[in-house]
Amino acid sequence: RRRTPAEKKRLERARDHFDDWGENQKAARRNLPLIRARH
């Protein structure tokens, strides 16, 4: 699929940061709601 210039820019910005929310995406999807619930 062809990406729009805005989409390319958004994806490039996302790659410029480390993911500190977990080792993999599953960990982040599981832990973020747990943190909110704990608060």
Full PDB file with SEQRES, HELIX, SHEET, SSBOND, CRYST1, ORIGX, SCALE, CONECT and MASTER records, all heavy atoms in Angstrom:
SEQRES   1 A   39  ARG ARG ARG THR PRO ALA GLU LYS LYS ARG LEU GLU ARG          
SEQRES   2 A   39  ALA ARG ASP HIS PHE ASP ASP TRP GLY GLU ASN GLN LYS          
SEQRES   3 A   39  ALA ALA ARG ARG ASN LEU PRO LEU ILE ARG ALA ARG HIS          
HELIX    1 AA1 PRO A    5  ARG A   15  1                                  11    
HELIX    2 AA2 GLN A   25  ARG A   38  1                                  14    
CRYST1    1.000    1.000    1.000  90.00  90.00  90.00 P 1           1          
ORIGX1      1.000000  0.000000  0.000000        0.00000                         
ORIGX2      0.000000  1.000000  0.000000        0.00000                         
ORIGX3      0.000000  0.000000  1.000000        0.00000                         
SCALE1      1.000000  0.000000  0.000000        0.00000                         
SCALE2      0.000000  1.000000  0.000000        0.00000                         
SCALE3      0.000000  0.000000  1.000000        0.00000                         
ATOM      1  N   ARG A   1       0.846  -1.195   0.000  1.00  0.00           N  
ATOM      2  CA  ARG A   1       0.000   0.000   0.000  1.00  0.00           C  
ATOM      3  C   ARG A   1       0.879   1.242   0.000  1.00  0.00           C  
ATOM      4  O   ARG A   1       1.915   1.283   0.657  1.00  0.00           O  
ATOM      5  CB  ARG A   1      -0.853  -0.054   1.269  1.00  0.00           C  
ATOM      6  CG  ARG A   1      -1.782   1.071   1.458  1.00  0.00           C  
ATOM      7  CD  ARG A   1      -2.596   0.828   2.705  1.00  0.00           C  
ATOM      8  NE  ARG A   1      -1.910   1.253   3.896  1.00  0.00           N  
ATOM      9  CZ  ARG A   1      -2.139   2.421   4.500  1.00  0.00           C  
ATOM     10  NH1 ARG A   1      -3.035   3.226   4.032  1.00  0.00           N  
ATOM     11  NH2 ARG A   1      -1.475   2.753   5.570  1.00  0.00           N  
ATOM     12  N   ARG A   2       0.480   2.258  -0.715  1.00  0.00           N  
ATOM     13  CA  ARG A   2       1.242   3.514  -0.743  1.00  0.00           C  
ATOM     14  C   ARG A   2       0.859   4.365   0.460  1.00  0.00           C  
ATOM     15  O   ARG A   2      -0.309   4.455   0.823  1.00  0.00           O  
ATOM     16  CB  ARG A   2       0.934   4.298  -2.008  1.00  0.00           C  
ATOM     17  CG  ARG A   2       1.453   3.618  -3.236  1.00  0.00           C  
ATOM     18  CD  ARG A   2       1.366   4.558  -4.367  1.00  0.00           C  
ATOM     19  NE  ARG A   2       2.668   4.573  -5.005  1.00  0.00           N  
ATOM     20  CZ  ARG A   2       2.884   5.132  -6.163  1.00  0.00           C  
ATOM     21  NH1 ARG A   2       1.919   5.750  -6.786  1.00  0.00           N  
ATOM     22  NH2 ARG A   2       4.082   5.101  -6.687  1.00  0.00           N  
ATOM     23  N   ARG A   3       1.838   4.959   1.051  1.00  0.00           N  
ATOM     24  CA  ARG A   3       1.599   5.790   2.226  1.00  0.00           C  
ATOM     25  C   ARG A   3       1.616   7.267   1.834  1.00  0.00           C  
ATOM     26  O   ARG A   3       2.395   7.683   0.992  1.00  0.00           O  
ATOM     27  CB  ARG A   3       2.655   5.534   3.279  1.00  0.00           C  
ATOM     28  CG  ARG A   3       2.679   4.098   3.747  1.00  0.00           C  
ATOM     29  CD  ARG A   3       3.512   3.966   4.986  1.00  0.00           C  
ATOM     30  NE  ARG A   3       3.711   2.593   5.386  1.00  0.00           N  
ATOM     31  CZ  ARG A   3       2.844   1.855   6.054  1.00  0.00           C  
ATOM     32  NH1 ARG A   3       1.679   2.355   6.384  1.00  0.00           N  
ATOM     33  NH2 ARG A   3       3.123   0.622   6.394  1.00  0.00           N  
ATOM     34  N   THR A   4       0.774   8.037   2.523  1.00  0.00           N  
ATOM     35  CA  THR A   4       0.739   9.474   2.267  1.00  0.00           C  
ATOM     36  C   THR A   4       1.961  10.116   2.922  1.00  0.00           C  
ATOM     37  O   THR A   4       2.558   9.539   3.848  1.00  0.00           O  
ATOM     38  CB  THR A   4      -0.538  10.093   2.865  1.00  0.00           C  
ATOM     39  OG1 THR A   4      -0.483   9.942   4.280  1.00  0.00           O  
ATOM     40  CG2 THR A   4      -1.785   9.429   2.318  1.00  0.00           C  
ATOM     41  N   PRO A   5       2.360  11.310   2.483  1.00  0.00           N  
ATOM     42  CA  PRO A   5       3.498  11.970   3.112  1.00  0.00           C  
ATOM     43  C   PRO A   5       3.306  12.211   4.612  1.00  0.00           C  
ATOM     44  O   PRO A   5       4.239  12.051   5.398  1.00  0.00           O  
ATOM     45  CB  PRO A   5       3.602  13.301   2.359  1.00  0.00           C  
ATOM     46  CG  PRO A   5       2.996  13.019   1.028  1.00  0.00           C  
ATOM     47  CD  PRO A   5       1.911  12.014   1.288  1.00  0.00           C  
ATOM     48  N   ALA A   6       2.086  12.543   5.024  1.00  0.00           N  
ATOM     49  CA  ALA A   6       1.839  12.767   6.456  1.00  0.00           C  
ATOM     50  C   ALA A   6       2.005  11.470   7.237  1.00  0.00           C  
ATOM     51  O   ALA A   6       2.556  11.455   8.346  1.00  0.00           O  
ATOM     52  CB  ALA A   6       0.435  13.326   6.663  1.00  0.00           C  
ATOM     53  N   GLU A   7       1.553  10.365   6.656  1.00  0.00           N  
ATOM     54  CA  GLU A   7       1.683   9.069   7.322  1.00  0.00           C  
ATOM     55  C   GLU A   7       3.155   8.665   7.430  1.00  0.00           C  
ATOM     56  O   GLU A   7       3.599   8.149   8.448  1.00  0.00           O  
ATOM     57  CB  GLU A   7       0.904   8.025   6.526  1.00  0.00           C  
ATOM     58  CG  GLU A   7       0.628   6.766   7.273  1.00  0.00           C  
ATOM     59  CD  GLU A   7      -0.259   5.816   6.477  1.00  0.00           C  
ATOM     60  OE1 GLU A   7      -0.542   6.075   5.291  1.00  0.00           O  
ATOM     61  OE2 GLU A   7      -0.658   4.809   7.069  1.00  0.00           O  
ATOM     62  N   LYS A   8       3.925   8.912   6.368  1.00  0.00           N  
ATOM     63  CA  LYS A   8       5.357   8.616   6.396  1.00  0.00           C  
ATOM     64  C   LYS A   8       6.054   9.413   7.498  1.00  0.00           C  
ATOM     65  O   LYS A   8       6.902   8.894   8.225  1.00  0.00           O  
ATOM     66  CB  LYS A   8       5.996   8.938   5.051  1.00  0.00           C  
ATOM     67  CG  LYS A   8       5.641   7.975   3.954  1.00  0.00           C  
ATOM     68  CD  LYS A   8       6.309   8.400   2.667  1.00  0.00           C  
ATOM     69  CE  LYS A   8       5.911   7.515   1.514  1.00  0.00           C  
ATOM     70  NZ  LYS A   8       6.504   7.988   0.256  1.00  0.00           N  
ATOM     71  N   LYS A   9       5.687  10.687   7.623  1.00  0.00           N  
ATOM     72  CA  LYS A   9       6.302  11.542   8.636  1.00  0.00           C  
ATOM     73  C   LYS A   9       5.969  11.041  10.043  1.00  0.00           C  
ATOM     74  O   LYS A   9       6.825  10.982  10.923  1.00  0.00           O  
ATOM     75  CB  LYS A   9       5.805  12.974   8.451  1.00  0.00           C  
ATOM     76  CG  LYS A   9       6.540  13.991   9.265  1.00  0.00           C  
ATOM     77  CD  LYS A   9       6.091  15.382   8.881  1.00  0.00           C  
ATOM     78  CE  LYS A   9       6.905  16.420   9.590  1.00  0.00           C  
ATOM     79  NZ  LYS A   9       6.490  17.772   9.230  1.00  0.00           N  
ATOM     80  N   ARG A  10       4.718  10.643  10.251  1.00  0.00           N  
ATOM     81  CA  ARG A  10       4.296  10.140  11.559  1.00  0.00           C  
ATOM     82  C   ARG A  10       5.054   8.860  11.906  1.00  0.00           C  
ATOM     83  O   ARG A  10       5.542   8.682  13.021  1.00  0.00           O  
ATOM     84  CB  ARG A  10       2.794   9.884  11.553  1.00  0.00           C  
ATOM     85  CG  ARG A  10       2.262   9.360  12.876  1.00  0.00           C  
ATOM     86  CD  ARG A  10       0.780   9.066  12.811  1.00  0.00           C  
ATOM     87  NE  ARG A  10       0.395   8.160  11.752  1.00  0.00           N  
ATOM     88  CZ  ARG A  10       0.518   6.831  11.818  1.00  0.00           C  
ATOM     89  NH1 ARG A  10       1.020   6.260  12.890  1.00  0.00           N  
ATOM     90  NH2 ARG A  10       0.136   6.067  10.805  1.00  0.00           N  
ATOM     91  N   LEU A  11       5.183   7.970  10.948  1.00  0.00           N  
ATOM     92  CA  LEU A  11       5.893   6.719  11.195  1.00  0.00           C  
ATOM     93  C   LEU A  11       7.374   6.962  11.474  1.00  0.00           C  
ATOM     94  O   LEU A  11       7.981   6.292  12.302  1.00  0.00           O  
ATOM     95  CB  LEU A  11       5.718   5.773  10.001  1.00  0.00           C  
ATOM     96  CG  LEU A  11       4.323   5.185   9.835  1.00  0.00           C  
ATOM     97  CD1 LEU A  11       4.223   4.440   8.524  1.00  0.00           C  
ATOM     98  CD2 LEU A  11       3.998   4.277  11.001  1.00  0.00           C  
ATOM     99  N   GLU A  12       7.954   7.914  10.778  1.00  0.00           N  
ATOM    100  CA  GLU A  12       9.377   8.216  10.993  1.00  0.00           C  
ATOM    101  C   GLU A  12       9.601   8.765  12.398  1.00  0.00           C  
ATOM    102  O   GLU A  12      10.563   8.425  13.071  1.00  0.00           O  
ATOM    103  CB  GLU A  12       9.854   9.218   9.945  1.00  0.00           C  
ATOM    104  CG  GLU A  12      11.352   9.354   9.895  1.00  0.00           C  
ATOM    105  CD  GLU A  12      12.037   8.018   9.597  1.00  0.00           C  
ATOM    106  OE1 GLU A  12      11.555   7.246   8.759  1.00  0.00           O  
ATOM    107  OE2 GLU A  12      13.079   7.761  10.237  1.00  0.00           O  
ATOM    108  N   ARG A  13       8.674   9.620  12.863  1.00  0.00           N  
ATOM    109  CA  ARG A  13       8.795  10.153  14.228  1.00  0.00           C  
ATOM    110  C   ARG A  13       8.680   9.038  15.250  1.00  0.00           C  
ATOM    111  O   ARG A  13       9.353   9.031  16.269  1.00  0.00           O  
ATOM    112  CB  ARG A  13       7.721  11.198  14.485  1.00  0.00           C  
ATOM    113  CG  ARG A  13       8.099  12.574  14.050  1.00  0.00           C  
ATOM    114  CD  ARG A  13       7.191  13.604  14.695  1.00  0.00           C  
ATOM    115  NE  ARG A  13       5.785  13.274  14.569  1.00  0.00           N  
ATOM    116  CZ  ARG A  13       4.942  13.839  13.719  1.00  0.00           C  
ATOM    117  NH1 ARG A  13       5.369  14.754  12.901  1.00  0.00           N  
ATOM    118  NH2 ARG A  13       3.680  13.491  13.687  1.00  0.00           N  
ATOM    119  N   ALA A  14       7.815   8.074  14.987  1.00  0.00           N  
ATOM    120  CA  ALA A  14       7.624   6.962  15.925  1.00  0.00           C  
ATOM    121  C   ALA A  14       8.890   6.124  16.020  1.00  0.00           C  
ATOM    122  O   ALA A  14       9.204   5.578  17.078  1.00  0.00           O  
ATOM    123  CB  ALA A  14       6.453   6.101  15.482  1.00  0.00           C  
ATOM    124  N   ARG A  15       9.635   6.005  14.938  1.00  0.00           N  
ATOM    125  CA  ARG A  15      10.861   5.204  14.953  1.00  0.00           C  
ATOM    126  C   ARG A  15      11.997   5.928  15.671  1.00  0.00           C  
ATOM    127  O   ARG A  15      13.001   5.310  15.982  1.00  0.00           O  
ATOM    128  CB  ARG A  15      11.289   4.891  13.525  1.00  0.00           C  
ATOM    129  CG  ARG A  15      10.508   3.782  12.919  1.00  0.00           C  
ATOM    130  CD  ARG A  15      11.135   3.343  11.609  1.00  0.00           C  
ATOM    131  NE  ARG A  15      10.091   2.868  10.736  1.00  0.00           N  
ATOM    132  CZ  ARG A  15       9.629   3.506   9.672  1.00  0.00           C  
ATOM    133  NH1 ARG A  15      10.142   4.651   9.310  1.00  0.00           N  
ATOM    134  NH2 ARG A  15       8.658   3.003   8.962  1.00  0.00           N  
ATOM    135  N   ASP A  16      11.865   7.210  15.885  1.00  0.00           N  
ATOM    136  CA  ASP A  16      12.932   7.984  16.511  1.00  0.00           C  
ATOM    137  C   ASP A  16      12.916   7.899  18.029  1.00  0.00           C  
ATOM    138  O   ASP A  16      13.640   8.623  18.691  1.00  0.00           O  
ATOM    139  CB  ASP A  16      12.835   9.457  16.102  1.00  0.00           C  
ATOM    140  CG  ASP A  16      13.268   9.676  14.670  1.00  0.00           C  
ATOM    141  OD1 ASP A  16      13.902   8.761  14.115  1.00  0.00           O  
ATOM    142  OD2 ASP A  16      12.984  10.741  14.108  1.00  0.00           O  
ATOM    143  N   HIS A  17      12.075   7.052  18.604  1.00  0.00           N  
ATOM    144  CA  HIS A  17      11.986   6.944  20.052  1.00  0.00           C  
ATOM    145  C   HIS A  17      12.046   5.493  20.480  1.00  0.00           C  
ATOM    146  O   HIS A  17      11.562   4.612  19.786  1.00  0.00           O  
ATOM    147  CB  HIS A  17      10.682   7.567  20.573  1.00  0.00           C  
ATOM    148  CG  HIS A  17      10.662   9.053  20.463  1.00  0.00           C  
ATOM    149  ND1 HIS A  17      11.183   9.871  21.421  1.00  0.00           N  
ATOM    150  CD2 HIS A  17      10.230   9.872  19.482  1.00  0.00           C  
ATOM    151  CE1 HIS A  17      11.052  11.129  21.047  1.00  0.00           C  
ATOM    152  NE2 HIS A  17      10.469  11.151  19.866  1.00  0.00           N  
ATOM    153  N   PHE A  18      12.636   5.273  21.656  1.00  0.00           N  
ATOM    154  CA  PHE A  18      12.629   3.946  22.251  1.00  0.00           C  
ATOM    155  C   PHE A  18      11.261   3.667  22.843  1.00  0.00           C  
ATOM    156  O   PHE A  18      10.576   4.580  23.300  1.00  0.00           O  
ATOM    157  CB  PHE A  18      13.649   3.862  23.403  1.00  0.00           C  
ATOM    158  CG  PHE A  18      15.029   3.514  22.957  1.00  0.00           C  
ATOM    159  CD1 PHE A  18      16.052   4.409  23.110  1.00  0.00           C  
ATOM    160  CD2 PHE A  18      15.302   2.285  22.400  1.00  0.00           C  
ATOM    161  CE1 PHE A  18      17.323   4.097  22.713  1.00  0.00           C  
ATOM    162  CE2 PHE A  18      16.566   1.957  22.001  1.00  0.00           C  
ATOM    163  CZ  PHE A  18      17.595   2.864  22.153  1.00  0.00           C  
ATOM    164  N   ASP A  19      10.864   2.428  22.869  1.00  0.00           N  
ATOM    165  CA  ASP A  19       9.620   2.041  23.517  1.00  0.00           C  
ATOM    166  C   ASP A  19       9.952   1.626  24.944  1.00  0.00           C  
ATOM    167  O   ASP A  19      10.526   0.568  25.171  1.00  0.00           O  
ATOM    168  CB  ASP A  19       8.973   0.887  22.759  1.00  0.00           C  
ATOM    169  CG  ASP A  19       7.676   0.447  23.385  1.00  0.00           C  
ATOM    170  OD1 ASP A  19       7.150   1.194  24.227  1.00  0.00           O  
ATOM    171  OD2 ASP A  19       7.199  -0.637  23.049  1.00  0.00           O  
ATOM    172  N   ASP A  20       9.623   2.477  25.913  1.00  0.00           N  
ATOM    173  CA  ASP A  20       9.916   2.191  27.311  1.00  0.00           C  
ATOM    174  C   ASP A  20       8.774   1.477  28.014  1.00  0.00           C  
ATOM    175  O   ASP A  20       8.814   1.287  29.212  1.00  0.00           O  
ATOM    176  CB  ASP A  20      10.192   3.489  28.080  1.00  0.00           C  
ATOM    177  CG  ASP A  20      11.627   3.927  27.911  1.00  0.00           C  
ATOM    178  OD1 ASP A  20      12.415   3.161  27.331  1.00  0.00           O  
ATOM    179  OD2 ASP A  20      11.964   5.028  28.362  1.00  0.00           O  
ATOM    180  N   TRP A  21       7.753   1.087  27.279  1.00  0.00           N  
ATOM    181  CA  TRP A  21       6.582   0.529  27.932  1.00  0.00           C  
ATOM    182  C   TRP A  21       6.643  -0.975  28.087  1.00  0.00           C  
ATOM    183  O   TRP A  21       5.760  -1.575  28.634  1.00  0.00           O  
ATOM    184  CB  TRP A  21       5.318   0.928  27.176  1.00  0.00           C  
ATOM    185  CG  TRP A  21       5.123   2.376  27.237  1.00  0.00           C  
ATOM    186  CD1 TRP A  21       5.299   3.278  26.241  1.00  0.00           C  
ATOM    187  CD2 TRP A  21       4.771   3.123  28.394  1.00  0.00           C  
ATOM    188  NE1 TRP A  21       5.071   4.536  26.687  1.00  0.00           N  
ATOM    189  CE2 TRP A  21       4.749   4.469  28.022  1.00  0.00           C  
ATOM    190  CE3 TRP A  21       4.484   2.798  29.710  1.00  0.00           C  
ATOM    191  CZ2 TRP A  21       4.435   5.480  28.904  1.00  0.00           C  
ATOM    192  CZ3 TRP A  21       4.176   3.811  30.584  1.00  0.00           C  
ATOM    193  CH2 TRP A  21       4.146   5.130  30.179  1.00  0.00           C  
ATOM    194  N   GLY A  22       7.656  -1.603  27.609  1.00  0.00           N  
ATOM    195  CA  GLY A  22       7.767  -3.041  27.766  1.00  0.00           C  
ATOM    196  C   GLY A  22       8.667  -3.624  26.704  1.00  0.00           C  
ATOM    197  O   GLY A  22       9.070  -2.944  25.769  1.00  0.00           O  
ATOM    198  N   GLU A  23       8.979  -4.882  26.858  1.00  0.00           N  
ATOM    199  CA  GLU A  23       9.863  -5.539  25.912  1.00  0.00           C  
ATOM    200  C   GLU A  23       9.190  -5.731  24.557  1.00  0.00           C  
ATOM    201  O   GLU A  23       9.829  -5.730  23.540  1.00  0.00           O  
ATOM    202  CB  GLU A  23      10.309  -6.892  26.466  1.00  0.00           C  
ATOM    203  CG  GLU A  23      11.232  -6.768  27.649  1.00  0.00           C  
ATOM    204  CD  GLU A  23      12.532  -6.077  27.312  1.00  0.00           C  
ATOM    205  OE1 GLU A  23      13.106  -6.352  26.243  1.00  0.00           O  
ATOM    206  OE2 GLU A  23      12.971  -5.254  28.110  1.00  0.00           O  
ATOM    207  N   ASN A  24       7.900  -5.929  24.570  1.00  0.00           N  
ATOM    208  CA  ASN A  24       7.196  -6.086  23.306  1.00  0.00           C  
ATOM    209  C   ASN A  24       5.847  -5.385  23.394  1.00  0.00           C  
ATOM    210  O   ASN A  24       5.447  -4.907  24.441  1.00  0.00           O  
ATOM    211  CB  ASN A  24       7.030  -7.570  22.942  1.00  0.00           C  
ATOM    212  CG  ASN A  24       6.241  -8.320  23.988  1.00  0.00           C  
ATOM    213  OD1 ASN A  24       5.384  -7.748  24.661  1.00  0.00           O  
ATOM    214  ND2 ASN A  24       6.499  -9.589  24.134  1.00  0.00           N  
ATOM    215  N   GLN A  25       5.160  -5.350  22.280  1.00  0.00           N  
ATOM    216  CA  GLN A  25       3.905  -4.609  22.233  1.00  0.00           C  
ATOM    217  C   GLN A  25       2.840  -5.241  23.125  1.00  0.00           C  
ATOM    218  O   GLN A  25       1.994  -4.557  23.682  1.00  0.00           O  
ATOM    219  CB  GLN A  25       3.417  -4.541  20.785  1.00  0.00           C  
ATOM    220  CG  GLN A  25       2.387  -3.470  20.553  1.00  0.00           C  
ATOM    221  CD  GLN A  25       2.845  -2.095  21.000  1.00  0.00           C  
ATOM    222  OE1 GLN A  25       3.992  -1.729  20.855  1.00  0.00           O  
ATOM    223  NE2 GLN A  25       1.953  -1.343  21.596  1.00  0.00           N  
ATOM    224  N   LYS A  26       2.864  -6.553  23.281  1.00  0.00           N  
ATOM    225  CA  LYS A  26       1.890  -7.222  24.142  1.00  0.00           C  
ATOM    226  C   LYS A  26       2.030  -6.733  25.582  1.00  0.00           C  
ATOM    227  O   LYS A  26       1.035  -6.517  26.267  1.00  0.00           O  
ATOM    228  CB  LYS A  26       2.105  -8.741  24.066  1.00  0.00           C  
ATOM    229  CG  LYS A  26       1.279  -9.544  25.013  1.00  0.00           C  
ATOM    230  CD  LYS A  26      -0.187  -9.433  24.723  1.00  0.00           C  
ATOM    231  CE  LYS A  26      -0.961 -10.324  25.658  1.00  0.00           C  
ATOM    232  NZ  LYS A  26      -2.371 -10.152  25.544  1.00  0.00           N  
ATOM    233  N   ALA A  27       3.280  -6.551  26.041  1.00  0.00           N  
ATOM    234  CA  ALA A  27       3.492  -6.083  27.408  1.00  0.00           C  
ATOM    235  C   ALA A  27       2.887  -4.696  27.595  1.00  0.00           C  
ATOM    236  O   ALA A  27       2.252  -4.415  28.610  1.00  0.00           O  
ATOM    237  CB  ALA A  27       4.982  -6.066  27.730  1.00  0.00           C  
ATOM    238  N   ALA A  28       3.071  -3.828  26.615  1.00  0.00           N  
ATOM    239  CA  ALA A  28       2.523  -2.481  26.732  1.00  0.00           C  
ATOM    240  C   ALA A  28       0.996  -2.522  26.733  1.00  0.00           C  
ATOM    241  O   ALA A  28       0.347  -1.851  27.540  1.00  0.00           O  
ATOM    242  CB  ALA A  28       3.036  -1.617  25.588  1.00  0.00           C  
ATOM    243  N   ARG A  29       0.417  -3.314  25.840  1.00  0.00           N  
ATOM    244  CA  ARG A  29      -1.054  -3.371  25.779  1.00  0.00           C  
ATOM    245  C   ARG A  29      -1.640  -3.908  27.069  1.00  0.00           C  
ATOM    246  O   ARG A  29      -2.735  -3.545  27.463  1.00  0.00           O  
ATOM    247  CB  ARG A  29      -1.485  -4.271  24.614  1.00  0.00           C  
ATOM    248  CG  ARG A  29      -1.334  -3.648  23.270  1.00  0.00           C  
ATOM    249  CD  ARG A  29      -2.131  -4.410  22.227  1.00  0.00           C  
ATOM    250  NE  ARG A  29      -1.947  -5.826  22.258  1.00  0.00           N  
ATOM    251  CZ  ARG A  29      -1.094  -6.513  21.491  1.00  0.00           C  
ATOM    252  NH1 ARG A  29      -0.322  -5.858  20.654  1.00  0.00           N  
ATOM    253  NH2 ARG A  29      -1.014  -7.812  21.571  1.00  0.00           N  
ATOM    254  N   ARG A  30      -0.906  -4.773  27.742  1.00  0.00           N  
ATOM    255  CA  ARG A  30      -1.409  -5.348  28.987  1.00  0.00           C  
ATOM    256  C   ARG A  30      -1.148  -4.421  30.171  1.00  0.00           C  
ATOM    257  O   ARG A  30      -1.999  -4.264  31.037  1.00  0.00           O  
ATOM    258  CB  ARG A  30      -0.733  -6.689  29.229  1.00  0.00           C  
ATOM    259  CG  ARG A  30      -1.416  -7.517  30.281  1.00  0.00           C  
ATOM    260  CD  ARG A  30      -0.529  -8.623  30.756  1.00  0.00           C  
ATOM    261  NE  ARG A  30       0.483  -7.994  31.605  1.00  0.00           N  
ATOM    262  CZ  ARG A  30       1.643  -8.520  31.905  1.00  0.00           C  
ATOM    263  NH1 ARG A  30       1.991  -9.662  31.436  1.00  0.00           N  
ATOM    264  NH2 ARG A  30       2.497  -7.903  32.677  1.00  0.00           N  
ATOM    265  N   ASN A  31       0.028  -3.804  30.233  1.00  0.00           N  
ATOM    266  CA  ASN A  31       0.415  -3.046  31.422  1.00  0.00           C  
ATOM    267  C   ASN A  31      -0.221  -1.668  31.517  1.00  0.00           C  
ATOM    268  O   ASN A  31      -0.509  -1.203  32.619  1.00  0.00           O  
ATOM    269  CB  ASN A  31       1.928  -2.920  31.493  1.00  0.00           C  
ATOM    270  CG  ASN A  31       2.582  -4.204  31.900  1.00  0.00           C  
ATOM    271  OD1 ASN A  31       2.016  -4.978  32.667  1.00  0.00           O  
ATOM    272  ND2 ASN A  31       3.763  -4.458  31.385  1.00  0.00           N  
ATOM    273  N   LEU A  32      -0.427  -0.993  30.402  1.00  0.00           N  
ATOM    274  CA  LEU A  32      -0.967   0.365  30.478  1.00  0.00           C  
ATOM    275  C   LEU A  32      -2.357   0.403  31.112  1.00  0.00           C  
ATOM    276  O   LEU A  32      -2.605   1.217  32.004  1.00  0.00           O  
ATOM    277  CB  LEU A  32      -0.964   1.021  29.103  1.00  0.00           C  
ATOM    278  CG  LEU A  32       0.440   1.264  28.547  1.00  0.00           C  
ATOM    279  CD1 LEU A  32       0.359   1.867  27.166  1.00  0.00           C  
ATOM    280  CD2 LEU A  32       1.224   2.158  29.466  1.00  0.00           C  
ATOM    281  N   PRO A  33      -3.298  -0.470  30.730  1.00  0.00           N  
ATOM    282  CA  PRO A  33      -4.586  -0.462  31.424  1.00  0.00           C  
ATOM    283  C   PRO A  33      -4.462  -0.841  32.898  1.00  0.00           C  
ATOM    284  O   PRO A  33      -5.208  -0.326  33.741  1.00  0.00           O  
ATOM    285  CB  PRO A  33      -5.410  -1.503  30.672  1.00  0.00           C  
ATOM    286  CG  PRO A  33      -4.783  -1.627  29.351  1.00  0.00           C  
ATOM    287  CD  PRO A  33      -3.330  -1.355  29.562  1.00  0.00           C  
ATOM    288  N   LEU A  34      -3.503  -1.707  33.230  1.00  0.00           N  
ATOM    289  CA  LEU A  34      -3.312  -2.074  34.636  1.00  0.00           C  
ATOM    290  C   LEU A  34      -2.830  -0.884  35.458  1.00  0.00           C  
ATOM    291  O   LEU A  34      -3.244  -0.700  36.603  1.00  0.00           O  
ATOM    292  CB  LEU A  34      -2.309  -3.227  34.749  1.00  0.00           C  
ATOM    293  CG  LEU A  34      -2.767  -4.570  34.198  1.00  0.00           C  
ATOM    294  CD1 LEU A  34      -1.654  -5.598  34.318  1.00  0.00           C  
ATOM    295  CD2 LEU A  34      -4.008  -5.043  34.907  1.00  0.00           C  
ATOM    296  N   ILE A  35      -1.964  -0.074  34.873  1.00  0.00           N  
ATOM    297  CA  ILE A  35      -1.479   1.118  35.574  1.00  0.00           C  
ATOM    298  C   ILE A  35      -2.631   2.086  35.823  1.00  0.00           C  
ATOM    299  O   ILE A  35      -2.799   2.615  36.925  1.00  0.00           O  
ATOM    300  CB  ILE A  35      -0.356   1.798  34.769  1.00  0.00           C  
ATOM    301  CG1 ILE A  35       0.888   0.911  34.734  1.00  0.00           C  
ATOM    302  CG2 ILE A  35      -0.013   3.160  35.355  1.00  0.00           C  
ATOM    303  CD1 ILE A  35       1.934   1.361  33.740  1.00  0.00           C  
ATOM    304  N   ARG A  36      -3.436   2.315  34.792  1.00  0.00           N  
ATOM    305  CA  ARG A  36      -4.593   3.210  34.949  1.00  0.00           C  
ATOM    306  C   ARG A  36      -5.543   2.689  36.020  1.00  0.00           C  
ATOM    307  O   ARG A  36      -6.041   3.454  36.855  1.00  0.00           O  
ATOM    308  CB  ARG A  36      -5.332   3.333  33.631  1.00  0.00           C  
ATOM    309  CG  ARG A  36      -4.586   4.100  32.599  1.00  0.00           C  
ATOM    310  CD  ARG A  36      -5.473   4.360  31.399  1.00  0.00           C  
ATOM    311  NE  ARG A  36      -4.667   4.871  30.319  1.00  0.00           N  
ATOM    312  CZ  ARG A  36      -4.342   4.175  29.233  1.00  0.00           C  
ATOM    313  NH1 ARG A  36      -4.780   2.952  29.073  1.00  0.00           N  
ATOM    314  NH2 ARG A  36      -3.608   4.708  28.298  1.00  0.00           N  
ATOM    315  N   ALA A  37      -5.777   1.388  36.020  1.00  0.00           N  
ATOM    316  CA  ALA A  37      -6.684   0.799  36.999  1.00  0.00           C  
ATOM    317  C   ALA A  37      -6.130   0.951  38.410  1.00  0.00           C  
ATOM    318  O   ALA A  37      -6.877   1.215  39.357  1.00  0.00           O  
ATOM    319  CB  ALA A  37      -6.918  -0.673  36.677  1.00  0.00           C  
ATOM    320  N   ARG A  38      -4.826   0.785  38.574  1.00  0.00           N  
ATOM    321  CA  ARG A  38      -4.218   0.918  39.895  1.00  0.00           C  
ATOM    322  C   ARG A  38      -4.385   2.340  40.425  1.00  0.00           C  
ATOM    323  O   ARG A  38      -4.688   2.547  41.607  1.00  0.00           O  
ATOM    324  CB  ARG A  38      -2.738   0.533  39.816  1.00  0.00           C  
ATOM    325  CG  ARG A  38      -2.109   0.443  41.173  1.00  0.00           C  
ATOM    326  CD  ARG A  38      -0.715  -0.154  41.120  1.00  0.00           C  
ATOM    327  NE  ARG A  38       0.163   0.621  40.271  1.00  0.00           N  
ATOM    328  CZ  ARG A  38       0.891   0.109  39.268  1.00  0.00           C  
ATOM    329  NH1 ARG A  38       0.843  -1.165  38.996  1.00  0.00           N  
ATOM    330  NH2 ARG A  38       1.667   0.875  38.547  1.00  0.00           N  
ATOM    331  N   HIS A  39      -4.232   3.330  39.560  1.00  0.00           N  
ATOM    332  CA  HIS A  39      -4.434   4.720  39.986  1.00  0.00           C  
ATOM    333  C   HIS A  39      -5.880   4.960  40.397  1.00  0.00           C  
ATOM    334  O   HIS A  39      -6.145   5.643  41.390  1.00  0.00           O  
ATOM    335  CB  HIS A  39      -4.041   5.679  38.851  1.00  0.00           C  
ATOM    336  CG  HIS A  39      -2.579   5.926  38.777  1.00  0.00           C  
ATOM    337  ND1 HIS A  39      -1.975   7.007  39.343  1.00  0.00           N  
ATOM    338  CD2 HIS A  39      -1.584   5.212  38.217  1.00  0.00           C  
ATOM    339  CE1 HIS A  39      -0.684   6.963  39.134  1.00  0.00           C  
ATOM    340  NE2 HIS A  39      -0.416   5.871  38.445  1.00  0.00           N  
TER     341      HIS A  39                                                      
MASTER        0    0    0    2    0    0    0    6  340    1    0    3          
END                                                                             
